[in-house]
Amino acid sequence: VEEICDEIIVLNKGKILYCGETNALAMLAKNRV
């Protein structure tokens, strides 16, 4: 995903949990790792 995709959709129980840029998904864990 990191190498190929510019955007990511995360599905959970058939619904969209996240929809946005690949880098923005990583930023959800900023200052937490």
Full PDB file with SEQRES, HELIX, SHEET, SSBOND, CRYST1, ORIGX, SCALE, CONECT and MASTER records, all heavy atoms in Angstrom:
SEQRES   1 A   33  VAL GLU GLU ILE CYS ASP GLU ILE ILE VAL LEU ASN LYS          
SEQRES   2 A   33  GLY LYS ILE LEU TYR CYS GLY GLU THR ASN ALA LEU ALA          
SEQRES   3 A   33  MET LEU ALA LYS ASN ARG VAL                                  
HELIX    1 AA1 THR A   22  MET A   27  1                                   6    
SHEET    1 AA1 2 GLU A   7  ASN A  12  0                                        
SHEET    2 AA1 2 LYS A  15  GLU A  21 -1                                        
CRYST1    1.000    1.000    1.000  90.00  90.00  90.00 P 1           1          
ORIGX1      1.000000  0.000000  0.000000        0.00000                         
ORIGX2      0.000000  1.000000  0.000000        0.00000                         
ORIGX3      0.000000  0.000000  1.000000        0.00000                         
SCALE1      1.000000  0.000000  0.000000        0.00000                         
SCALE2      0.000000  1.000000  0.000000        0.00000                         
SCALE3      0.000000  0.000000  1.000000        0.00000                         
ATOM      1  N   VAL A   1       0.834  -1.203   0.000  1.00  0.00           N  
ATOM      2  CA  VAL A   1       0.000   0.000   0.000  1.00  0.00           C  
ATOM      3  C   VAL A   1       0.866   1.250   0.000  1.00  0.00           C  
ATOM      4  O   VAL A   1       0.621   2.201  -0.750  1.00  0.00           O  
ATOM      5  CB  VAL A   1      -0.948   0.002   1.217  1.00  0.00           C  
ATOM      6  CG1 VAL A   1      -1.698   1.328   1.316  1.00  0.00           C  
ATOM      7  CG2 VAL A   1      -1.940  -1.150   1.111  1.00  0.00           C  
ATOM      8  N   GLU A   2       1.900   1.261   0.837  1.00  0.00           N  
ATOM      9  CA  GLU A   2       2.777   2.433   0.914  1.00  0.00           C  
ATOM     10  C   GLU A   2       3.495   2.694  -0.401  1.00  0.00           C  
ATOM     11  O   GLU A   2       3.720   3.844  -0.783  1.00  0.00           O  
ATOM     12  CB  GLU A   2       3.791   2.253   2.042  1.00  0.00           C  
ATOM     13  CG  GLU A   2       3.194   2.399   3.433  1.00  0.00           C  
ATOM     14  CD  GLU A   2       4.250   2.514   4.505  1.00  0.00           C  
ATOM     15  OE1 GLU A   2       4.697   1.460   4.998  1.00  0.00           O  
ATOM     16  OE2 GLU A   2       4.625   3.643   4.859  1.00  0.00           O  
ATOM     17  N   GLU A   3       3.869   1.626  -1.107  1.00  0.00           N  
ATOM     18  CA  GLU A   3       4.624   1.769  -2.343  1.00  0.00           C  
ATOM     19  C   GLU A   3       3.739   2.105  -3.537  1.00  0.00           C  
ATOM     20  O   GLU A   3       4.176   2.798  -4.462  1.00  0.00           O  
ATOM     21  CB  GLU A   3       5.398   0.472  -2.638  1.00  0.00           C  
ATOM     22  CG  GLU A   3       6.564   0.207  -1.703  1.00  0.00           C  
ATOM     23  CD  GLU A   3       7.651   1.251  -1.841  1.00  0.00           C  
ATOM     24  OE1 GLU A   3       7.850   1.769  -2.966  1.00  0.00           O  
ATOM     25  OE2 GLU A   3       8.305   1.569  -0.830  1.00  0.00           O  
ATOM     26  N   ILE A   4       2.509   1.626  -3.531  1.00  0.00           N  
ATOM     27  CA  ILE A   4       1.658   1.717  -4.712  1.00  0.00           C  
ATOM     28  C   ILE A   4       0.623   2.825  -4.609  1.00  0.00           C  
ATOM     29  O   ILE A   4       0.394   3.574  -5.563  1.00  0.00           O  
ATOM     30  CB  ILE A   4       0.926   0.375  -4.946  1.00  0.00           C  
ATOM     31  CG1 ILE A   4       1.920  -0.742  -5.221  1.00  0.00           C  
ATOM     32  CG2 ILE A   4      -0.068   0.500  -6.098  1.00  0.00           C  
ATOM     33  CD1 ILE A   4       1.286  -2.111  -5.216  1.00  0.00           C  
ATOM     34  N   CYS A   5      -0.026   2.940  -3.447  1.00  0.00           N  
ATOM     35  CA  CYS A   5      -1.276   3.692  -3.342  1.00  0.00           C  
ATOM     36  C   CYS A   5      -1.070   5.118  -2.843  1.00  0.00           C  
ATOM     37  O   CYS A   5      -0.256   5.376  -1.958  1.00  0.00           O  
ATOM     38  CB  CYS A   5      -2.243   2.958  -2.415  1.00  0.00           C  
ATOM     39  SG  CYS A   5      -2.607   1.268  -2.969  1.00  0.00           S  
ATOM     40  N   ASP A   6      -1.842   6.015  -3.419  1.00  0.00           N  
ATOM     41  CA  ASP A   6      -1.843   7.415  -3.001  1.00  0.00           C  
ATOM     42  C   ASP A   6      -2.928   7.679  -1.968  1.00  0.00           C  
ATOM     43  O   ASP A   6      -2.838   8.633  -1.205  1.00  0.00           O  
ATOM     44  CB  ASP A   6      -2.074   8.329  -4.205  1.00  0.00           C  
ATOM     45  CG  ASP A   6      -1.069   8.071  -5.312  1.00  0.00           C  
ATOM     46  OD1 ASP A   6       0.118   8.338  -5.095  1.00  0.00           O  
ATOM     47  OD2 ASP A   6      -1.465   7.565  -6.375  1.00  0.00           O  
ATOM     48  N   GLU A   7      -3.959   6.841  -1.978  1.00  0.00           N  
ATOM     49  CA  GLU A   7      -5.065   6.982  -1.040  1.00  0.00           C  
ATOM     50  C   GLU A   7      -5.406   5.623  -0.443  1.00  0.00           C  
ATOM     51  O   GLU A   7      -5.100   4.582  -1.018  1.00  0.00           O  
ATOM     52  CB  GLU A   7      -6.313   7.560  -1.719  1.00  0.00           C  
ATOM     53  CG  GLU A   7      -6.159   8.958  -2.262  1.00  0.00           C  
ATOM     54  CD  GLU A   7      -5.709   8.978  -3.709  1.00  0.00           C  
ATOM     55  OE1 GLU A   7      -5.900   7.986  -4.417  1.00  0.00           O  
ATOM     56  OE2 GLU A   7      -5.126  10.005  -4.118  1.00  0.00           O  
ATOM     57  N   ILE A   8      -6.086   5.656   0.692  1.00  0.00           N  
ATOM     58  CA  ILE A   8      -6.452   4.426   1.397  1.00  0.00           C  
ATOM     59  C   ILE A   8      -7.902   4.515   1.847  1.00  0.00           C  
ATOM     60  O   ILE A   8      -8.370   5.574   2.280  1.00  0.00           O  
ATOM     61  CB  ILE A   8      -5.545   4.193   2.628  1.00  0.00           C  
ATOM     62  CG1 ILE A   8      -4.129   3.832   2.183  1.00  0.00           C  
ATOM     63  CG2 ILE A   8      -6.101   3.091   3.527  1.00  0.00           C  
ATOM     64  CD1 ILE A   8      -3.154   3.675   3.332  1.00  0.00           C  
ATOM     65  N   ILE A   9      -8.592   3.393   1.719  1.00  0.00           N  
ATOM     66  CA  ILE A   9      -9.921   3.236   2.301  1.00  0.00           C  
ATOM     67  C   ILE A   9      -9.836   2.082   3.302  1.00  0.00           C  
ATOM     68  O   ILE A   9      -9.409   0.986   2.942  1.00  0.00           O  
ATOM     69  CB  ILE A   9     -10.989   2.933   1.243  1.00  0.00           C  
ATOM     70  CG1 ILE A   9     -11.157   4.124   0.301  1.00  0.00           C  
ATOM     71  CG2 ILE A   9     -12.325   2.579   1.899  1.00  0.00           C  
ATOM     72  CD1 ILE A   9     -12.067   3.841  -0.887  1.00  0.00           C  
ATOM     73  N   VAL A  10     -10.203   2.345   4.544  1.00  0.00           N  
ATOM     74  CA  VAL A  10     -10.253   1.294   5.557  1.00  0.00           C  
ATOM     75  C   VAL A  10     -11.713   0.936   5.786  1.00  0.00           C  
ATOM     76  O   VAL A  10     -12.530   1.804   6.121  1.00  0.00           O  
ATOM     77  CB  VAL A  10      -9.610   1.741   6.885  1.00  0.00           C  
ATOM     78  CG1 VAL A  10      -9.700   0.622   7.921  1.00  0.00           C  
ATOM     79  CG2 VAL A  10      -8.145   2.125   6.663  1.00  0.00           C  
ATOM     80  N   LEU A  11     -12.034  -0.335   5.591  1.00  0.00           N  
ATOM     81  CA  LEU A  11     -13.395  -0.820   5.790  1.00  0.00           C  
ATOM     82  C   LEU A  11     -13.495  -1.557   7.120  1.00  0.00           C  
ATOM     83  O   LEU A  11     -12.577  -2.274   7.523  1.00  0.00           O  
ATOM     84  CB  LEU A  11     -13.811  -1.760   4.659  1.00  0.00           C  
ATOM     85  CG  LEU A  11     -13.933  -1.153   3.260  1.00  0.00           C  
ATOM     86  CD1 LEU A  11     -14.298  -2.220   2.242  1.00  0.00           C  
ATOM     87  CD2 LEU A  11     -14.968  -0.041   3.240  1.00  0.00           C  
ATOM     88  N   ASN A  12     -14.617  -1.391   7.779  1.00  0.00           N  
ATOM     89  CA  ASN A  12     -14.898  -2.095   9.026  1.00  0.00           C  
ATOM     90  C   ASN A  12     -16.376  -2.445   9.057  1.00  0.00           C  
ATOM     91  O   ASN A  12     -17.230  -1.562   8.988  1.00  0.00           O  
ATOM     92  CB  ASN A  12     -14.525  -1.233  10.233  1.00  0.00           C  
ATOM     93  CG  ASN A  12     -14.843  -1.922  11.546  1.00  0.00           C  
ATOM     94  OD1 ASN A  12     -14.488  -3.082  11.731  1.00  0.00           O  
ATOM     95  ND2 ASN A  12     -15.526  -1.232  12.437  1.00  0.00           N  
ATOM     96  N   LYS A  13     -16.667  -3.730   9.100  1.00  0.00           N  
ATOM     97  CA  LYS A  13     -18.052  -4.209   9.121  1.00  0.00           C  
ATOM     98  C   LYS A  13     -18.857  -3.645   7.950  1.00  0.00           C  
ATOM     99  O   LYS A  13     -20.027  -3.275   8.084  1.00  0.00           O  
ATOM    100  CB  LYS A  13     -18.723  -3.850  10.441  1.00  0.00           C  
ATOM    101  CG  LYS A  13     -18.064  -4.481  11.658  1.00  0.00           C  
ATOM    102  CD  LYS A  13     -18.757  -4.072  12.946  1.00  0.00           C  
ATOM    103  CE  LYS A  13     -18.062  -4.685  14.148  1.00  0.00           C  
ATOM    104  NZ  LYS A  13     -18.691  -4.277  15.431  1.00  0.00           N  
ATOM    105  N   GLY A  14     -18.216  -3.576   6.783  1.00  0.00           N  
ATOM    106  CA  GLY A  14     -18.907  -3.145   5.577  1.00  0.00           C  
ATOM    107  C   GLY A  14     -19.053  -1.654   5.402  1.00  0.00           C  
ATOM    108  O   GLY A  14     -19.637  -1.205   4.414  1.00  0.00           O  
ATOM    109  N   LYS A  15     -18.534  -0.859   6.337  1.00  0.00           N  
ATOM    110  CA  LYS A  15     -18.636   0.596   6.250  1.00  0.00           C  
ATOM    111  C   LYS A  15     -17.246   1.211   6.199  1.00  0.00           C  
ATOM    112  O   LYS A  15     -16.264   0.603   6.599  1.00  0.00           O  
ATOM    113  CB  LYS A  15     -19.422   1.151   7.444  1.00  0.00           C  
ATOM    114  CG  LYS A  15     -20.876   0.688   7.488  1.00  0.00           C  
ATOM    115  CD  LYS A  15     -21.610   1.324   8.650  1.00  0.00           C  
ATOM    116  CE  LYS A  15     -23.073   0.886   8.683  1.00  0.00           C  
ATOM    117  NZ  LYS A  15     -23.821   1.494   9.817  1.00  0.00           N  
ATOM    118  N   ILE A  16     -17.197   2.442   5.692  1.00  0.00           N  
ATOM    119  CA  ILE A  16     -15.917   3.138   5.579  1.00  0.00           C  
ATOM    120  C   ILE A  16     -15.533   3.719   6.940  1.00  0.00           C  
ATOM    121  O   ILE A  16     -16.239   4.558   7.489  1.00  0.00           O  
ATOM    122  CB  ILE A  16     -15.984   4.249   4.520  1.00  0.00           C  
ATOM    123  CG1 ILE A  16     -16.217   3.634   3.127  1.00  0.00           C  
ATOM    124  CG2 ILE A  16     -14.700   5.072   4.527  1.00  0.00           C  
ATOM    125  CD1 ILE A  16     -16.364   4.664   2.026  1.00  0.00           C  
ATOM    126  N   LEU A  17     -14.401   3.262   7.468  1.00  0.00           N  
ATOM    127  CA  LEU A  17     -13.880   3.774   8.728  1.00  0.00           C  
ATOM    128  C   LEU A  17     -12.904   4.920   8.489  1.00  0.00           C  
ATOM    129  O   LEU A  17     -12.776   5.823   9.303  1.00  0.00           O  
ATOM    130  CB  LEU A  17     -13.191   2.643   9.494  1.00  0.00           C  
ATOM    131  CG  LEU A  17     -12.702   2.922  10.913  1.00  0.00           C  
ATOM    132  CD1 LEU A  17     -13.861   3.329  11.810  1.00  0.00           C  
ATOM    133  CD2 LEU A  17     -12.004   1.699  11.479  1.00  0.00           C  
ATOM    134  N   TYR A  18     -12.201   4.863   7.369  1.00  0.00           N  
ATOM    135  CA  TYR A  18     -11.259   5.923   7.007  1.00  0.00           C  
ATOM    136  C   TYR A  18     -11.199   6.022   5.502  1.00  0.00           C  
ATOM    137  O   TYR A  18     -11.224   5.013   4.795  1.00  0.00           O  
ATOM    138  CB  TYR A  18      -9.857   5.612   7.561  1.00  0.00           C  
ATOM    139  CG  TYR A  18      -8.784   6.572   7.075  1.00  0.00           C  
ATOM    140  CD1 TYR A  18      -8.490   7.734   7.773  1.00  0.00           C  
ATOM    141  CD2 TYR A  18      -8.073   6.309   5.904  1.00  0.00           C  
ATOM    142  CE1 TYR A  18      -7.513   8.613   7.330  1.00  0.00           C  
ATOM    143  CE2 TYR A  18      -7.096   7.183   5.447  1.00  0.00           C  
ATOM    144  CZ  TYR A  18      -6.822   8.329   6.164  1.00  0.00           C  
ATOM    145  OH  TYR A  18      -5.870   9.196   5.710  1.00  0.00           O  
ATOM    146  N   CYS A  19     -11.095   7.240   4.997  1.00  0.00           N  
ATOM    147  CA  CYS A  19     -10.950   7.469   3.567  1.00  0.00           C  
ATOM    148  C   CYS A  19     -10.104   8.722   3.392  1.00  0.00           C  
ATOM    149  O   CYS A  19     -10.525   9.824   3.756  1.00  0.00           O  
ATOM    150  CB  CYS A  19     -12.314   7.647   2.901  1.00  0.00           C  
ATOM    151  SG  CYS A  19     -12.241   7.960   1.132  1.00  0.00           S  
ATOM    152  N   GLY A  20      -8.891   8.566   2.885  1.00  0.00           N  
ATOM    153  CA  GLY A  20      -8.023   9.720   2.747  1.00  0.00           C  
ATOM    154  C   GLY A  20      -6.657   9.347   2.214  1.00  0.00           C  
ATOM    155  O   GLY A  20      -6.427   8.211   1.786  1.00  0.00           O  
ATOM    156  N   GLU A  21      -5.747  10.307   2.245  1.00  0.00           N  
ATOM    157  CA  GLU A  21      -4.410  10.082   1.708  1.00  0.00           C  
ATOM    158  C   GLU A  21      -3.632   9.095   2.566  1.00  0.00           C  
ATOM    159  O   GLU A  21      -3.829   8.992   3.774  1.00  0.00           O  
ATOM    160  CB  GLU A  21      -3.658  11.411   1.618  1.00  0.00           C  
ATOM    161  CG  GLU A  21      -4.265  12.391   0.626  1.00  0.00           C  
ATOM    162  CD  GLU A  21      -3.473  13.681   0.537  1.00  0.00           C  
ATOM    163  OE1 GLU A  21      -2.469  13.807   1.277  1.00  0.00           O  
ATOM    164  OE2 GLU A  21      -3.853  14.556  -0.265  1.00  0.00           O  
ATOM    165  N   THR A  22      -2.706   8.388   1.902  1.00  0.00           N  
ATOM    166  CA  THR A  22      -1.900   7.387   2.593  1.00  0.00           C  
ATOM    167  C   THR A  22      -1.102   8.013   3.729  1.00  0.00           C  
ATOM    168  O   THR A  22      -1.064   7.479   4.847  1.00  0.00           O  
ATOM    169  CB  THR A  22      -0.950   6.700   1.589  1.00  0.00           C  
ATOM    170  OG1 THR A  22      -1.731   6.101   0.541  1.00  0.00           O  
ATOM    171  CG2 THR A  22      -0.117   5.632   2.267  1.00  0.00           C  
ATOM    172  N   ASN A  23      -0.464   9.147   3.473  1.00  0.00           N  
ATOM    173  CA  ASN A  23       0.337   9.797   4.505  1.00  0.00           C  
ATOM    174  C   ASN A  23      -0.503  10.274   5.679  1.00  0.00           C  
ATOM    175  O   ASN A  23      -0.039  10.281   6.822  1.00  0.00           O  
ATOM    176  CB  ASN A  23       1.113  10.975   3.911  1.00  0.00           C  
ATOM    177  CG  ASN A  23       2.169  10.538   2.919  1.00  0.00           C  
ATOM    178  OD1 ASN A  23       2.653   9.414   2.980  1.00  0.00           O  
ATOM    179  ND2 ASN A  23       2.537  11.422   2.007  1.00  0.00           N  
ATOM    180  N   ALA A  24      -1.751  10.649   5.398  1.00  0.00           N  
ATOM    181  CA  ALA A  24      -2.627  11.130   6.472  1.00  0.00           C  
ATOM    182  C   ALA A  24      -2.983  10.004   7.438  1.00  0.00           C  
ATOM    183  O   ALA A  24      -3.179  10.248   8.632  1.00  0.00           O  
ATOM    184  CB  ALA A  24      -3.891  11.749   5.884  1.00  0.00           C  
ATOM    185  N   LEU A  25      -3.069   8.778   6.938  1.00  0.00           N  
ATOM    186  CA  LEU A  25      -3.340   7.641   7.815  1.00  0.00           C  
ATOM    187  C   LEU A  25      -2.186   7.445   8.801  1.00  0.00           C  
ATOM    188  O   LEU A  25      -2.398   7.199   9.988  1.00  0.00           O  
ATOM    189  CB  LEU A  25      -3.565   6.372   6.995  1.00  0.00           C  
ATOM    190  CG  LEU A  25      -3.837   5.090   7.793  1.00  0.00           C  
ATOM    191  CD1 LEU A  25      -5.070   5.248   8.679  1.00  0.00           C  
ATOM    192  CD2 LEU A  25      -4.021   3.907   6.849  1.00  0.00           C  
ATOM    193  N   ALA A  26      -0.963   7.567   8.302  1.00  0.00           N  
ATOM    194  CA  ALA A  26       0.201   7.442   9.184  1.00  0.00           C  
ATOM    195  C   ALA A  26       0.187   8.524  10.263  1.00  0.00           C  
ATOM    196  O   ALA A  26       0.583   8.278  11.415  1.00  0.00           O  
ATOM    197  CB  ALA A  26       1.487   7.524   8.368  1.00  0.00           C  
ATOM    198  N   MET A  27      -0.296   9.727   9.926  1.00  0.00           N  
ATOM    199  CA  MET A  27      -0.280  10.838  10.873  1.00  0.00           C  
ATOM    200  C   MET A  27      -1.217  10.620  12.059  1.00  0.00           C  
ATOM    201  O   MET A  27      -1.084  11.298  13.082  1.00  0.00           O  
ATOM    202  CB  MET A  27      -0.649  12.139  10.155  1.00  0.00           C  
ATOM    203  CG  MET A  27       0.410  12.615   9.155  1.00  0.00           C  
ATOM    204  SD  MET A  27       2.009  12.901   9.950  1.00  0.00           S  
ATOM    205  CE  MET A  27       1.608  14.350  10.928  1.00  0.00           C  
ATOM    206  N   LEU A  28      -2.166   9.680  11.936  1.00  0.00           N  
ATOM    207  CA  LEU A  28      -3.044   9.392  13.069  1.00  0.00           C  
ATOM    208  C   LEU A  28      -2.252   8.882  14.271  1.00  0.00           C  
ATOM    209  O   LEU A  28      -2.684   9.021  15.416  1.00  0.00           O  
ATOM    210  CB  LEU A  28      -4.102   8.350  12.676  1.00  0.00           C  
ATOM    211  CG  LEU A  28      -5.146   8.768  11.649  1.00  0.00           C  
ATOM    212  CD1 LEU A  28      -6.093   7.620  11.368  1.00  0.00           C  
ATOM    213  CD2 LEU A  28      -5.936   9.981  12.133  1.00  0.00           C  
ATOM    214  N   ALA A  29      -1.091   8.271  14.001  1.00  0.00           N  
ATOM    215  CA  ALA A  29      -0.261   7.726  15.085  1.00  0.00           C  
ATOM    216  C   ALA A  29       0.921   8.629  15.425  1.00  0.00           C  
ATOM    217  O   ALA A  29       1.845   8.196  16.120  1.00  0.00           O  
ATOM    218  CB  ALA A  29       0.233   6.331  14.699  1.00  0.00           C  
ATOM    219  N   LYS A  30       0.906   9.867  14.961  1.00  0.00           N  
ATOM    220  CA  LYS A  30       2.003  10.788  15.241  1.00  0.00           C  
ATOM    221  C   LYS A  30       2.172  10.993  16.745  1.00  0.00           C  
ATOM    222  O   LYS A  30       1.188  11.150  17.479  1.00  0.00           O  
ATOM    223  CB  LYS A  30       1.732  12.135  14.561  1.00  0.00           C  
ATOM    224  CG  LYS A  30       2.863  13.139  14.713  1.00  0.00           C  
ATOM    225  CD  LYS A  30       2.525  14.449  14.000  1.00  0.00           C  
ATOM    226  CE  LYS A  30       3.656  15.455  14.169  1.00  0.00           C  
ATOM    227  NZ  LYS A  30       3.336  16.748  13.502  1.00  0.00           N  
ATOM    228  N   ASN A  31       3.421  10.977  17.205  1.00  0.00           N  
ATOM    229  CA  ASN A  31       3.779  11.152  18.627  1.00  0.00           C  
ATOM    230  C   ASN A  31       3.256  10.021  19.514  1.00  0.00           C  
ATOM    231  O   ASN A  31       3.158  10.179  20.736  1.00  0.00           O  
ATOM    232  CB  ASN A  31       3.252  12.494  19.169  1.00  0.00           C  
ATOM    233  CG  ASN A  31       3.764  13.688  18.386  1.00  0.00           C  
ATOM    234  OD1 ASN A  31       3.002  14.552  17.996  1.00  0.00           O  
ATOM    235  ND2 ASN A  31       5.058  13.732  18.143  1.00  0.00           N  
ATOM    236  N   ARG A  32       2.947   8.888  18.907  1.00  0.00           N  
ATOM    237  CA  ARG A  32       2.449   7.747  19.676  1.00  0.00           C  
ATOM    238  C   ARG A  32       3.332   6.499  19.548  1.00  0.00           C  
ATOM    239  O   ARG A  32       3.055   5.495  20.195  1.00  0.00           O  
ATOM    240  CB  ARG A  32       1.021   7.383  19.229  1.00  0.00           C  
ATOM    241  CG  ARG A  32      -0.015   8.454  19.517  1.00  0.00           C  
ATOM    242  CD  ARG A  32      -1.393   8.045  19.022  1.00  0.00           C  
ATOM    243  NE  ARG A  32      -2.399   9.047  19.346  1.00  0.00           N  
ATOM    244  CZ  ARG A  32      -3.049   9.124  20.499  1.00  0.00           C  
ATOM    245  NH1 ARG A  32      -2.793   8.243  21.454  1.00  0.00           N  
ATOM    246  NH2 ARG A  32      -3.958  10.058  20.719  1.00  0.00           N  
ATOM    247  N   VAL A  33       4.358   6.565  18.721  1.00  0.00           N  
ATOM    248  CA  VAL A  33       5.166   5.383  18.433  1.00  0.00           C  
ATOM    249  C   VAL A  33       6.553   5.539  19.046  1.00  0.00           C  
ATOM    250  O   VAL A  33       7.238   6.539  18.807  1.00  0.00           O  
ATOM    251  CB  VAL A  33       5.281   5.154  16.915  1.00  0.00           C  
ATOM    252  CG1 VAL A  33       6.046   3.870  16.619  1.00  0.00           C  
ATOM    253  CG2 VAL A  33       3.891   5.104  16.273  1.00  0.00           C  
TER     254      VAL A  33                                                      
MASTER        0    0    0    1    2    0    0    6  253    1    0    3          
END                                                                             
